Amino acid sequence: MKLQQLRYITEVASCGLNVSAAADRMHTSQSGVSKQILALEDELGVQIFVRNGKHISGLTAAGEVIVAQARELLHQAGNIKRTAAEFSDATSGSLSLATTHTQSRYVLPPVISQFIEKYPGVSLQLHQGTPIQIAELAAKGTADFAIATEAMEKFSDLMMMPCYRWNRVVLVPKDHALVGVSKISLADLARFPLVTYVLGFTGRSRLDDAFASQGLQPRVVFTAADADVIKTYVRLGMGIGIVAGMAYDSDKDTDLVALDASHLFDYSVTRIGFRRGTVLRAYMYEFIAMFADHLQRPVVEQVLQCQSQADVDLLFANTPIPVLGIGQSAPVSSGLLPD
């Protein structure tokens, strides 16, 4: 049995049982992948995949267990490599991040710039996706860290630590009727067509919950995963925009007015996390601390000792979590996590 054979079966499973796609992702031939999978099945004496002619159509009962064990073995193999690398050269390696457009566009740039300046020998990869895709990338080891706000239930395989709290702004053209309102209400917003995030992105659930709590039905006419796209359609007059406060750029969005909406919606919490049992290299601890100053190495080491996400949440129950305000890329104030 070889580690590469285990990589083949896990990759095929991850690619929806598509051998061709798995081969492309692993930069090898389809026939080579198929040959190695058959060799592994022959060695183990069981079928891992259900076949319909030449096509794979599912995992056998044994295959389900074997693929799960293979993923864990590959994870541990990665830990061994990281441990060895830490002793051989602590300042070089790679770091892969999975996150949303909002984080990568508005929050991460100064952090990454600072990190690269200190660790020029570390190669950085940034994967953008939906919260579900982000969770999968980190759980499978494709990404070292996941950074996300929504769908925390999808991150059960990860240890997620709170980084900062944030809220929303309402974006309108300068001549819009809401500009003259001293303190906007949800009823005010419900009068106009809305342009906001796709469900499952960047705190969208908090928005829906707020309207529902007052018996209001918002008229959402356009949704996008990208705050810059939302701004574009606000400029076109399609509706008023509701975006994360840090997505407003006072220097570049001079044609739009940002109305504070923090009194209308519950705060959302952005978290960073990694797969349970991961060995973190020194520069990985450093990146986490650069992204969230309260997550220094001793704190993260406590997280590594936790057995569940409930233990992690308890660890931070009385920790003030910074607030990221309108147009900011770094937090300026703190508060406790919401119950």
Protein backbone atom coordinates (compact mmCIF):
# COMPACT_ATOMS: atom_id res chain seq x y z
CA MET A 1 0.00 0.00 0.00
CA LYS A 2 1.33 3.42 -0.97
CA LEU A 3 0.33 6.92 0.15
CA GLN A 4 -0.17 7.88 -3.49
CA GLN A 5 -2.80 5.14 -3.87
CA LEU A 6 -4.61 6.58 -0.85
CA ARG A 7 -4.45 10.02 -2.45
CA TYR A 8 -6.04 8.61 -5.60
CA ILE A 9 -9.03 7.06 -3.83
CA THR A 10 -9.68 10.14 -1.68
CA GLU A 11 -9.40 12.44 -4.69
CA VAL A 12 -11.83 10.33 -6.74
CA ALA A 13 -14.27 10.43 -3.83
CA SER A 14 -13.82 14.21 -3.52
CA CYS A 15 -14.40 14.71 -7.26
CA GLY A 16 -17.83 13.10 -7.19
CA LEU A 17 -16.46 9.72 -8.33
CA ASN A 18 -15.13 11.31 -11.52
CA VAL A 19 -11.80 9.59 -12.24
CA SER A 20 -10.95 11.97 -15.08
CA ALA A 21 -11.42 15.04 -12.87
CA ALA A 22 -9.35 13.43 -10.11
CA ALA A 23 -6.57 12.66 -12.58
CA ASP A 24 -6.57 16.26 -13.83
CA ARG A 25 -6.33 17.63 -10.28
CA MET A 26 -3.43 15.30 -9.53
CA HIS A 27 -1.70 16.01 -12.85
CA THR A 28 -1.66 12.41 -13.98
CA SER A 29 -3.51 10.16 -16.44
CA GLN A 30 -6.95 8.65 -15.94
CA SER A 31 -5.60 5.20 -16.79
CA GLY A 32 -2.84 5.58 -14.21
CA VAL A 33 -5.34 6.44 -11.47
CA SER A 34 -7.61 3.53 -12.41
CA LYS A 35 -4.67 1.11 -12.48
CA GLN A 36 -3.47 2.14 -9.02
CA ILE A 37 -6.96 1.93 -7.52
CA LEU A 38 -7.39 -1.59 -8.89
CA ALA A 39 -3.96 -2.54 -7.52
CA LEU A 40 -4.95 -1.25 -4.07
CA GLU A 41 -8.26 -3.12 -4.15
CA ASP A 42 -6.42 -6.28 -5.17
CA GLU A 43 -3.94 -5.86 -2.30
CA LEU A 44 -6.69 -5.24 0.26
CA GLY A 45 -8.95 -7.97 -1.08
CA VAL A 46 -12.05 -5.74 -1.13
CA GLN A 47 -13.73 -3.42 -3.61
CA ILE A 48 -13.55 0.23 -2.64
CA PHE A 49 -15.75 1.51 -5.45
CA VAL A 50 -19.00 0.24 -6.96
CA ARG A 51 -18.64 -0.08 -10.73
CA ASN A 52 -21.18 0.02 -13.51
CA GLY A 53 -19.21 -1.33 -16.43
CA LYS A 54 -16.12 0.85 -16.69
CA HIS A 55 -17.67 3.69 -14.69
CA ILE A 56 -17.52 4.19 -10.92
CA SER A 57 -20.99 4.76 -9.51
CA GLY A 58 -20.44 4.76 -5.75
CA LEU A 59 -18.48 3.67 -2.71
CA THR A 60 -18.94 0.21 -1.23
CA ALA A 61 -19.58 -0.13 2.51
CA ALA A 62 -15.92 -1.04 2.93
CA GLY A 63 -14.96 1.83 0.65
CA GLU A 64 -16.72 4.39 2.84
CA VAL A 65 -14.62 3.31 5.83
CA ILE A 66 -11.39 2.97 3.85
CA VAL A 67 -11.67 6.42 2.25
CA ALA A 68 -12.33 8.02 5.66
CA GLN A 69 -9.31 6.22 7.12
CA ALA A 70 -7.20 7.17 4.11
CA ARG A 71 -8.03 10.85 4.62
CA GLU A 72 -6.95 10.60 8.24
CA LEU A 73 -3.70 8.83 7.30
CA LEU A 74 -2.92 11.50 4.69
CA HIS A 75 -3.65 14.19 7.26
CA GLN A 76 -1.19 12.59 9.68
CA ALA A 77 1.38 12.24 6.89
CA GLY A 78 1.04 15.98 6.31
CA ASN A 79 1.60 16.57 10.03
CA ILE A 80 4.81 14.55 9.89
CA LYS A 81 6.04 16.62 6.95
CA ARG A 82 5.21 19.88 8.74
CA THR A 83 7.01 18.74 11.89
CA ALA A 84 10.12 17.78 9.92
CA ALA A 85 10.04 21.06 7.97
CA GLU A 86 9.84 23.06 11.20
CA PHE A 87 13.14 21.54 12.31
CA SER A 88 14.86 21.77 8.93
CA ASP A 89 13.77 25.28 7.86
CA ALA A 90 11.27 27.22 9.99
CA THR A 91 10.99 30.17 7.60
CA SER A 92 9.96 28.45 4.37
CA GLY A 93 7.01 26.36 3.31
CA SER A 94 3.47 26.98 2.13
CA LEU A 95 0.23 28.30 3.58
CA SER A 96 -3.16 27.78 1.95
CA LEU A 97 -6.23 29.83 2.91
CA ALA A 98 -9.88 29.22 2.04
CA THR A 99 -12.23 32.16 2.46
CA THR A 100 -14.91 34.36 0.89
CA HIS A 101 -14.53 37.30 -1.49
CA THR A 102 -15.28 39.83 1.27
CA GLN A 103 -12.44 38.55 3.46
CA SER A 104 -9.93 38.25 0.62
CA ARG A 105 -10.80 41.65 -0.87
CA TYR A 106 -11.27 43.86 2.19
CA VAL A 107 -9.69 42.29 5.29
CA LEU A 108 -6.82 40.01 4.29
CA PRO A 109 -4.66 42.28 2.05
CA PRO A 110 -2.83 44.14 4.87
CA VAL A 111 -2.44 40.89 6.83
CA ILE A 112 -1.00 39.03 3.84
CA SER A 113 1.29 41.96 3.02
CA GLN A 114 2.65 41.96 6.57
CA PHE A 115 3.04 38.17 6.54
CA ILE A 116 4.89 38.05 3.21
CA GLU A 117 7.26 40.78 4.35
CA LYS A 118 8.20 38.70 7.41
CA TYR A 119 8.13 35.30 5.68
CA PRO A 120 9.21 35.78 2.05
CA GLY A 121 10.06 32.07 1.85
CA VAL A 122 6.48 30.97 2.47
CA SER A 123 4.27 30.43 -0.58
CA LEU A 124 0.68 31.60 -0.08
CA GLN A 125 -2.37 30.21 -1.88
CA LEU A 126 -5.82 31.77 -1.57
CA HIS A 127 -8.97 29.78 -2.40
CA GLN A 128 -12.28 31.68 -2.65
CA GLY A 129 -15.60 29.91 -2.34
CA THR A 130 -18.90 29.47 -0.56
CA PRO A 131 -18.88 28.66 3.17
CA ILE A 132 -19.58 25.00 2.35
CA GLN A 133 -16.70 24.89 -0.15
CA ILE A 134 -14.42 26.59 2.38
CA ALA A 135 -15.29 23.99 5.03
CA GLU A 136 -14.65 21.14 2.61
CA LEU A 137 -11.29 22.54 1.47
CA ALA A 138 -10.04 22.76 5.05
CA ALA A 139 -11.54 19.44 6.17
CA LYS A 140 -9.86 17.63 3.27
CA GLY A 141 -6.52 19.32 3.85
CA THR A 142 -6.52 21.32 0.60
CA ALA A 143 -6.48 24.47 2.72
CA ASP A 144 -4.60 24.92 6.00
CA PHE A 145 -6.99 27.55 7.34
CA ALA A 146 -10.66 28.33 6.78
CA ILE A 147 -11.89 31.90 7.33
CA ALA A 148 -15.66 32.31 7.29
CA THR A 149 -18.71 33.79 8.97
CA GLU A 150 -21.71 31.77 7.79
CA ALA A 151 -22.77 28.11 8.01
CA MET A 152 -20.67 27.22 11.06
CA GLU A 153 -22.54 23.91 11.30
CA LYS A 154 -20.69 22.85 8.14
CA PHE A 155 -17.34 23.24 9.94
CA SER A 156 -17.78 20.36 12.41
CA ASP A 157 -14.42 18.84 11.43
CA LEU A 158 -12.62 22.10 12.22
CA MET A 159 -11.66 24.07 15.31
CA MET A 160 -13.03 27.56 14.63
CA MET A 161 -11.77 30.54 16.67
CA PRO A 162 -13.51 33.95 16.80
CA CYS A 163 -11.53 36.76 15.15
CA TYR A 164 -13.76 39.84 15.03
CA ARG A 165 -17.37 40.99 15.06
CA TRP A 166 -18.88 43.13 12.34
CA ASN A 167 -22.15 44.57 11.13
CA ARG A 168 -23.73 46.01 8.00
CA VAL A 169 -24.21 49.27 6.16
CA VAL A 170 -26.92 50.34 3.75
CA LEU A 171 -25.50 51.78 0.53
CA VAL A 172 -27.51 54.34 -1.42
CA PRO A 173 -26.80 57.00 -4.07
CA LYS A 174 -26.20 60.50 -2.72
CA ASP A 175 -29.62 61.72 -3.83
CA HIS A 176 -31.59 58.83 -2.30
CA ALA A 177 -34.53 59.55 0.03
CA LEU A 178 -32.93 57.58 2.90
CA VAL A 179 -29.95 59.95 3.08
CA GLY A 180 -32.12 62.43 4.99
CA VAL A 181 -33.33 59.87 7.55
CA SER A 182 -31.52 60.34 10.87
CA LYS A 183 -31.88 56.71 12.00
CA ILE A 184 -33.12 54.21 9.43
CA SER A 185 -35.50 51.40 10.40
CA LEU A 186 -36.21 47.99 8.91
CA ALA A 187 -39.58 49.36 7.79
CA ASP A 188 -37.69 52.08 5.88
CA LEU A 189 -35.61 49.44 4.12
CA ALA A 190 -38.62 47.29 3.32
CA ARG A 191 -40.03 50.16 1.23
CA PHE A 192 -37.27 49.78 -1.35
CA PRO A 193 -35.93 46.95 -3.52
CA LEU A 194 -32.83 45.41 -1.92
CA VAL A 195 -29.52 44.28 -3.40
CA THR A 196 -27.52 42.07 -1.04
CA TYR A 197 -25.59 38.87 -0.50
CA VAL A 198 -26.59 35.42 -1.71
CA LEU A 199 -28.09 33.28 1.05
CA GLY A 200 -25.26 31.57 2.92
CA PHE A 201 -22.74 34.36 2.31
CA THR A 202 -21.32 37.07 4.57
CA GLY A 203 -23.90 37.13 7.34
CA ARG A 204 -26.96 37.01 5.08
CA SER A 205 -28.85 34.88 7.64
CA ARG A 206 -28.69 37.72 10.21
CA LEU A 207 -30.37 40.03 7.70
CA ASP A 208 -33.21 37.60 6.98
CA ASP A 209 -33.74 36.94 10.70
CA ALA A 210 -34.02 40.66 11.47
CA PHE A 211 -36.79 41.28 8.93
CA ALA A 212 -38.64 38.11 9.95
CA SER A 213 -38.58 39.17 13.63
CA GLN A 214 -40.63 42.26 12.73
CA GLY A 215 -42.96 40.48 10.35
CA LEU A 216 -41.48 42.25 7.33
CA GLN A 217 -40.87 40.72 3.92
CA PRO A 218 -37.87 42.37 2.24
CA ARG A 219 -38.05 42.76 -1.52
CA VAL A 220 -34.67 41.31 -2.54
CA VAL A 221 -34.35 41.89 -6.28
CA PHE A 222 -30.72 40.94 -6.82
CA THR A 223 -28.17 38.87 -4.90
CA ALA A 224 -24.44 38.31 -5.33
CA ALA A 225 -21.54 36.78 -3.42
CA ASP A 226 -19.34 39.78 -4.18
CA ALA A 227 -19.79 43.18 -2.46
CA ASP A 228 -18.26 44.96 -5.44
CA VAL A 229 -20.96 43.47 -7.69
CA ILE A 230 -23.64 44.60 -5.21
CA LYS A 231 -22.27 48.15 -5.35
CA THR A 232 -22.34 48.08 -9.15
CA TYR A 233 -26.05 47.31 -9.22
CA VAL A 234 -26.80 49.92 -6.56
CA ARG A 235 -25.13 52.44 -8.86
CA LEU A 236 -27.34 51.22 -11.70
CA GLY A 237 -30.39 52.07 -9.61
CA MET A 238 -31.58 48.49 -9.14
CA GLY A 239 -32.06 48.99 -5.38
CA ILE A 240 -30.41 49.88 -2.10
CA GLY A 241 -27.48 47.73 -1.05
CA ILE A 242 -26.86 45.95 2.24
CA VAL A 243 -23.23 44.88 2.63
CA ALA A 244 -20.66 44.19 5.33
CA GLY A 245 -19.40 47.44 6.85
CA MET A 246 -15.78 46.69 5.95
CA ALA A 247 -16.78 46.44 2.26
CA TYR A 248 -17.43 50.19 2.06
CA ASP A 249 -14.40 52.15 0.85
CA SER A 250 -14.79 55.86 1.57
CA ASP A 251 -11.99 56.70 -0.88
CA LYS A 252 -13.36 54.72 -3.83
CA ASP A 253 -17.11 54.69 -3.14
CA THR A 254 -17.47 58.46 -3.12
CA ASP A 255 -20.66 58.29 -5.21
CA LEU A 256 -22.40 56.20 -2.53
CA VAL A 257 -23.51 57.03 1.01
CA ALA A 258 -23.04 54.40 3.73
CA LEU A 259 -25.83 54.45 6.32
CA ASP A 260 -25.05 52.70 9.59
CA ALA A 261 -27.30 49.68 10.12
CA SER A 262 -25.65 48.17 13.20
CA HIS A 263 -28.75 48.95 15.30
CA LEU A 264 -30.91 46.89 12.93
CA PHE A 265 -29.01 43.61 12.74
CA ASP A 266 -27.24 41.31 15.16
CA TYR A 267 -23.47 41.33 14.87
CA SER A 268 -21.84 38.54 12.90
CA VAL A 269 -18.59 36.86 13.94
CA THR A 270 -15.85 35.93 11.49
CA ARG A 271 -13.77 32.91 12.54
CA ILE A 272 -10.54 31.25 11.49
CA GLY A 273 -10.03 27.54 11.92
CA PHE A 274 -8.10 24.42 11.04
CA ARG A 275 -8.70 20.71 11.03
CA ARG A 276 -8.66 19.05 14.44
CA GLY A 277 -5.29 17.44 15.15
CA THR A 278 -3.33 19.61 12.72
CA VAL A 279 0.32 20.32 13.48
CA LEU A 280 0.84 24.07 13.08
CA ARG A 281 4.18 25.48 12.00
CA ALA A 282 5.58 28.61 13.67
CA TYR A 283 4.64 30.85 10.74
CA MET A 284 1.07 29.49 10.87
CA TYR A 285 0.74 30.65 14.49
CA GLU A 286 2.17 33.98 13.34
CA PHE A 287 -0.40 34.37 10.56
CA ILE A 288 -3.28 33.71 12.96
CA ALA A 289 -1.94 36.34 15.37
CA MET A 290 -1.56 38.86 12.54
CA PHE A 291 -5.17 38.27 11.51
CA ALA A 292 -6.54 38.40 15.07
CA ASP A 293 -4.28 39.92 17.73
CA HIS A 294 -6.01 38.14 20.62
CA LEU A 295 -5.20 34.75 19.05
CA GLN A 296 -1.56 34.60 20.11
CA ARG A 297 0.27 31.26 20.09
CA PRO A 298 -0.43 30.30 23.74
CA VAL A 299 -4.16 30.78 23.11
CA VAL A 300 -4.11 28.72 19.90
CA GLU A 301 -2.19 26.00 21.71
CA GLN A 302 -5.05 25.84 24.22
CA VAL A 303 -7.45 25.43 21.30
CA LEU A 304 -5.38 22.52 20.01
CA GLN A 305 -6.02 20.75 23.33
CA CYS A 306 -9.81 21.12 22.99
CA GLN A 307 -11.78 18.00 22.14
CA SER A 308 -14.74 19.71 20.45
CA GLN A 309 -16.00 23.01 19.10
CA ALA A 310 -18.08 23.36 22.27
CA ASP A 311 -14.81 23.36 24.25
CA VAL A 312 -13.42 26.06 21.94
CA ASP A 313 -16.54 28.20 22.36
CA LEU A 314 -16.28 27.84 26.14
CA LEU A 315 -12.62 28.91 26.03
CA PHE A 316 -13.61 32.22 24.38
CA ALA A 317 -16.86 32.77 26.30
CA ASN A 318 -15.41 35.66 28.35
CA THR A 319 -12.91 36.93 25.80
CA PRO A 320 -13.57 40.42 24.36
CA ILE A 321 -13.80 40.06 20.57
CA PRO A 322 -12.74 43.08 18.46
CA VAL A 323 -15.24 44.95 16.29
CA LEU A 324 -14.46 45.78 12.68
CA GLY A 325 -16.20 49.03 11.82
CA ILE A 326 -17.36 50.71 8.61
CA GLY A 327 -14.61 50.85 6.01
CA GLN A 328 -12.01 49.34 8.34
CA SER A 329 -9.62 46.48 7.67
CA ALA A 330 -8.48 46.25 11.31
CA PRO A 331 -10.62 46.12 14.49
CA VAL A 332 -10.73 49.14 16.79
CA SER A 333 -12.90 48.06 19.74
CA SER A 334 -13.92 44.90 21.58
CA GLY A 335 -16.96 43.17 23.03
CA LEU A 336 -18.01 39.73 24.22
CA LEU A 337 -19.33 37.12 21.83
CA PRO A 338 -23.15 37.11 21.49
CA ASP A 339 -24.99 34.32 23.31
